[in-house]
Every structure is written in structure tokens, then in C-alpha cells.
Amino acid sequence: DKTKEYVARRVAEGHTKMEAIRCLKRYISREVYTLLRNQNRQLNSIPITA
């Protein structure tokens, strides 16, 4: 599972489990924000005709 691997990698780097989970949340937030921003740009580029 990618999530467990990510957290395990962060813990191996010296982070506590809570810090690793915080990093994971930030990573997810960045990914979701990028997806939403790109989708919004696509929607705004469609011309509106009356």
C-alpha cells in the first residue's frame, strides 16, 4: 500500500509517526489542490455562448 510505504519511509528518515502523517496530509492536499486548479482552468477556458 502506497500510504503505508510513504509513512514508513518518513519514519525511517527520522520523523515521528505523527510527523509522517502530517507530511502525508500535506502531500495529499497538494495533489488535490493541483487537480482542482487544473479542472477549474479547463472549465474557465470553455467559451460561454448565449
N, C-alpha and C. Protein backbone atom coordinates (compact mmCIF):
# COMPACT_ATOMS: atom_id res chain seq x y z
N ASP A 1 0.85 -1.18 0.00
CA ASP A 1 0.00 0.00 0.00
C ASP A 1 0.90 1.24 0.00
N LYS A 2 0.64 2.15 -0.92
CA LYS A 2 1.49 3.33 -1.09
C LYS A 2 1.53 4.21 0.16
N THR A 3 0.39 4.33 0.83
CA THR A 3 0.31 5.19 2.01
C THR A 3 1.19 4.67 3.13
N LYS A 4 1.10 3.38 3.39
CA LYS A 4 1.91 2.78 4.45
C LYS A 4 3.40 2.88 4.12
N GLU A 5 3.74 2.70 2.84
CA GLU A 5 5.14 2.83 2.42
C GLU A 5 5.63 4.26 2.63
N TYR A 6 4.79 5.24 2.30
CA TYR A 6 5.16 6.65 2.46
C TYR A 6 5.43 6.96 3.93
N VAL A 7 4.52 6.54 4.81
CA VAL A 7 4.69 6.80 6.24
C VAL A 7 5.92 6.07 6.77
N ALA A 8 6.12 4.82 6.35
CA ALA A 8 7.29 4.06 6.80
C ALA A 8 8.59 4.74 6.34
N ARG A 9 8.59 5.27 5.13
CA ARG A 9 9.78 5.96 4.62
C ARG A 9 10.07 7.21 5.45
N ARG A 10 9.03 7.97 5.78
CA ARG A 10 9.22 9.17 6.60
C ARG A 10 9.72 8.82 7.99
N VAL A 11 9.18 7.77 8.58
CA VAL A 11 9.62 7.34 9.91
C VAL A 11 11.08 6.90 9.84
N ALA A 12 11.45 6.22 8.76
CA ALA A 12 12.84 5.78 8.59
C ALA A 12 13.78 6.98 8.45
N GLU A 13 13.25 8.10 7.94
CA GLU A 13 14.05 9.32 7.80
C GLU A 13 14.22 10.04 9.13
N GLY A 14 13.54 9.56 10.17
CA GLY A 14 13.71 10.16 11.49
C GLY A 14 12.51 10.93 12.00
N HIS A 15 11.44 10.97 11.22
CA HIS A 15 10.22 11.65 11.67
C HIS A 15 9.47 10.74 12.64
N THR A 16 8.70 11.35 13.53
CA THR A 16 7.80 10.55 14.36
C THR A 16 6.63 10.13 13.49
N LYS A 17 5.83 9.20 14.00
CA LYS A 17 4.68 8.74 13.22
C LYS A 17 3.71 9.89 12.96
N MET A 18 3.50 10.74 13.96
CA MET A 18 2.59 11.88 13.78
C MET A 18 3.13 12.86 12.75
N GLU A 19 4.44 13.10 12.76
CA GLU A 19 5.05 13.99 11.76
C GLU A 19 4.91 13.39 10.37
N ALA A 20 5.07 12.07 10.27
CA ALA A 20 4.94 11.39 8.98
C ALA A 20 3.51 11.51 8.46
N ILE A 21 2.54 11.39 9.35
CA ILE A 21 1.14 11.53 8.94
C ILE A 21 0.86 12.97 8.52
N ARG A 22 1.45 13.93 9.20
CA ARG A 22 1.31 15.34 8.82
C ARG A 22 1.87 15.56 7.41
N CYS A 23 3.03 14.98 7.14
CA CYS A 23 3.63 15.08 5.80
C CYS A 23 2.70 14.47 4.76
N LEU A 24 2.10 13.34 5.10
CA LEU A 24 1.18 12.67 4.18
C LEU A 24 -0.03 13.56 3.88
N LYS A 25 -0.57 14.19 4.91
CA LYS A 25 -1.72 15.09 4.71
C LYS A 25 -1.35 16.26 3.81
N ARG A 26 -0.17 16.81 4.00
CA ARG A 26 0.28 17.91 3.15
C ARG A 26 0.45 17.45 1.71
N TYR A 27 1.00 16.26 1.52
CA TYR A 27 1.18 15.70 0.19
C TYR A 27 -0.18 15.54 -0.50
N ILE A 28 -1.14 14.98 0.22
CA ILE A 28 -2.49 14.79 -0.33
C ILE A 28 -3.11 16.13 -0.67
N SER A 29 -2.95 17.11 0.21
CA SER A 29 -3.50 18.45 -0.03
C SER A 29 -2.93 19.07 -1.29
N ARG A 30 -1.63 18.95 -1.49
CA ARG A 30 -1.00 19.49 -2.71
C ARG A 30 -1.56 18.82 -3.96
N GLU A 31 -1.72 17.49 -3.90
CA GLU A 31 -2.23 16.75 -5.06
C GLU A 31 -3.66 17.16 -5.38
N VAL A 32 -4.51 17.23 -4.36
CA VAL A 32 -5.92 17.59 -4.57
C VAL A 32 -6.02 19.03 -5.07
N TYR A 33 -5.25 19.94 -4.50
CA TYR A 33 -5.28 21.34 -4.93
C TYR A 33 -4.90 21.46 -6.40
N THR A 34 -3.86 20.74 -6.81
CA THR A 34 -3.43 20.79 -8.21
C THR A 34 -4.52 20.26 -9.13
N LEU A 35 -5.15 19.16 -8.76
CA LEU A 35 -6.23 18.61 -9.58
C LEU A 35 -7.39 19.59 -9.70
N LEU A 36 -7.79 20.18 -8.59
CA LEU A 36 -8.90 21.13 -8.61
C LEU A 36 -8.56 22.37 -9.42
N ARG A 37 -7.35 22.87 -9.27
CA ARG A 37 -6.93 24.06 -10.01
C ARG A 37 -6.93 23.79 -11.51
N ASN A 38 -6.41 22.64 -11.92
CA ASN A 38 -6.38 22.31 -13.34
C ASN A 38 -7.79 22.14 -13.90
N GLN A 39 -8.66 21.51 -13.14
CA GLN A 39 -10.04 21.33 -13.59
C GLN A 39 -10.73 22.68 -13.72
N ASN A 40 -10.49 23.58 -12.79
CA ASN A 40 -11.09 24.91 -12.83
C ASN A 40 -10.60 25.68 -14.05
N ARG A 41 -9.32 25.56 -14.37
CA ARG A 41 -8.78 26.24 -15.55
C ARG A 41 -9.43 25.72 -16.82
N GLN A 42 -9.66 24.41 -16.88
CA GLN A 42 -10.30 23.83 -18.06
C GLN A 42 -11.73 24.34 -18.19
N LEU A 43 -12.45 24.40 -17.08
CA LEU A 43 -13.83 24.87 -17.12
C LEU A 43 -13.90 26.34 -17.52
N ASN A 44 -12.94 27.13 -17.05
CA ASN A 44 -12.94 28.56 -17.36
C ASN A 44 -12.50 28.85 -18.79
N SER A 45 -11.85 27.90 -19.44
CA SER A 45 -11.39 28.13 -20.80
C SER A 45 -12.47 27.83 -21.83
N ILE A 46 -13.57 27.21 -21.41
CA ILE A 46 -14.67 26.91 -22.33
C ILE A 46 -15.46 28.19 -22.57
N PRO A 47 -15.59 28.61 -23.84
CA PRO A 47 -16.34 29.85 -24.11
C PRO A 47 -17.84 29.66 -23.83
N ILE A 48 -18.42 30.68 -23.27
CA ILE A 48 -19.86 30.66 -22.97
C ILE A 48 -20.58 31.38 -24.10
N THR A 49 -21.51 30.69 -24.73
CA THR A 49 -22.27 31.31 -25.81
C THR A 49 -23.71 31.52 -25.37
N ALA A 50 -24.28 32.61 -25.83
CA ALA A 50 -25.65 32.94 -25.42
C ALA A 50 -26.66 32.39 -26.39
